[in-house]
Protein backbone atom coordinates (compact mmCIF):
# COMPACT_ATOMS: atom_id res chain seq x y z
CA MET A 1 4.24 -20.71 -41.15
CA SER A 2 5.06 -20.81 -37.28
CA ALA A 3 7.87 -22.03 -35.44
CA GLN A 4 7.46 -23.66 -32.02
CA THR A 5 10.14 -23.94 -29.37
CA GLU A 6 11.01 -26.71 -26.87
CA LEU A 7 12.12 -24.76 -23.60
CA PRO A 8 14.29 -27.91 -21.96
CA GLN A 9 12.56 -29.03 -18.98
CA ILE A 10 15.80 -29.65 -16.66
CA GLY A 11 14.81 -31.66 -13.39
CA THR A 12 10.95 -30.01 -12.67
CA GLU A 13 8.28 -31.34 -10.78
CA SER A 14 4.55 -30.08 -11.95
CA THR A 15 3.85 -27.90 -9.04
CA GLY A 16 1.05 -25.92 -10.37
CA SER A 17 3.39 -22.72 -10.48
CA CYS A 18 6.71 -21.41 -12.34
CA CYS A 19 7.13 -19.70 -9.23
CA SER A 20 8.23 -21.79 -6.59
CA PRO A 21 8.77 -25.35 -5.20
CA SER A 22 5.24 -24.51 -3.11
CA GLY A 23 3.49 -23.50 -5.88
CA SER A 24 3.84 -19.95 -4.69
CA CYS A 25 4.89 -16.78 -6.58
CA HIS A 26 5.71 -15.61 -3.08
CA SER A 27 8.67 -17.32 -0.90
CA ASP A 28 7.75 -17.35 2.56
CA THR A 29 11.11 -15.58 3.54
CA ALA A 30 9.59 -12.89 1.58
CA GLY A 31 10.73 -9.31 3.09
CA SER A 32 13.44 -11.16 5.50
CA ALA A 33 16.73 -10.83 5.46
CA GLU A 34 19.37 -13.11 7.31
CA GLY A 35 19.69 -12.08 10.55
CA ALA A 36 16.44 -10.57 10.83
CA VAL A 37 14.32 -10.40 13.41
CA THR A 38 10.94 -10.75 13.63
CA THR A 39 8.64 -9.55 16.23
CA VAL A 40 4.52 -10.23 16.47
CA TYR A 41 2.61 -7.61 18.89
CA GLN A 42 -0.52 -7.70 20.27
CA VAL A 43 -2.41 -4.33 19.48
CA THR A 44 -5.97 -3.73 20.56
CA GLY A 45 -8.58 -1.47 19.34
CA MET A 46 -7.73 -2.37 15.53
CA THR A 47 -10.97 -3.11 13.59
CA CYS A 48 -10.42 -2.44 9.50
CA GLY A 49 -8.08 -2.59 6.76
CA HIS A 50 -7.39 1.40 7.67
CA CYS A 51 -6.76 0.83 11.12
CA GLU A 52 -3.94 -2.19 9.45
CA GLY A 53 -2.51 0.85 7.47
CA ALA A 54 -2.62 3.45 10.07
CA VAL A 55 -0.12 0.74 12.82
CA SER A 56 1.39 -0.59 9.58
CA ASP A 57 2.59 3.16 8.57
CA GLU A 58 3.35 4.54 12.00
CA ILE A 59 6.11 1.24 12.97
CA SER A 60 7.97 1.42 9.27
CA GLY A 61 9.12 4.84 10.11
CA LEU A 62 10.69 3.44 13.06
CA ALA A 63 14.94 2.86 12.40
CA GLY A 64 15.58 -0.43 10.84
CA VAL A 65 12.15 -1.99 10.21
CA MET A 66 11.99 -3.97 7.11
CA SER A 67 8.45 -4.55 7.00
CA VAL A 68 5.02 -4.70 8.76
CA LYS A 69 1.92 -6.78 8.76
CA ALA A 70 -1.30 -5.75 10.93
CA VAL A 71 -4.00 -7.85 10.30
CA ALA A 72 -7.12 -6.08 12.68
CA SER A 73 -9.27 -9.12 13.23
CA THR A 74 -6.33 -11.23 15.38
CA GLY A 75 -5.34 -7.38 16.76
CA GLN A 76 -1.40 -9.16 15.69
CA VAL A 77 1.26 -7.00 14.52
CA THR A 78 4.49 -8.86 12.75
CA VAL A 79 6.99 -6.57 12.54
CA VAL A 80 10.38 -7.65 10.52
CA SER A 81 13.47 -5.54 11.44
CA ALA A 82 16.94 -5.86 11.34
CA ALA A 83 18.01 -5.64 15.30
CA PRO A 84 15.18 -5.86 18.04
CA LEU A 85 13.42 -2.91 18.91
CA ASP A 86 12.75 -1.18 21.92
CA GLU A 87 9.31 -1.88 22.63
CA GLU A 88 8.58 1.89 24.36
CA GLU A 89 9.62 3.11 20.57
CA VAL A 90 7.04 -0.06 19.13
CA ARG A 91 4.79 1.61 21.99
CA ALA A 92 4.90 5.16 20.62
CA ALA A 93 4.19 4.73 17.12
CA VAL A 94 1.16 2.66 17.99
CA ASP A 95 -0.28 5.41 20.32
CA GLU A 96 0.62 7.81 17.94
CA ALA A 97 -1.93 5.66 15.11
CA GLY A 98 -4.36 6.01 17.98
CA TYR A 99 -3.85 2.14 19.58
CA GLU A 100 -2.92 0.28 22.19
CA LEU A 101 0.25 -1.73 22.45
CA ALA A 102 -0.64 -5.08 24.61
CA GLY A 103 2.98 -6.47 24.45
CA ARG A 104 4.04 -9.34 22.62
CA ALA A 105 2.09 -11.76 21.51
């Protein structure tokens, strides 16, 4: 004998996912908090996932950094921080990783 329980469907639309209205398991604002600053930098010399990791690791070590996403194919590094970062500190972190900060994208 088996029992089935029906759960009420209160005002839901079929989106293909139970996670969000957009059908994604991730929020578009994931990793960002209220008042956070998002800055996109252009970094030269990244060619692969290892490069992305090296740059991300170094920038992640800066005070106030909440998240970093580096994309080798575009050279762009998106940084979410609690407050604006000192560009010279970001430059030093990118240099430590072995790459060059060209500036803001």
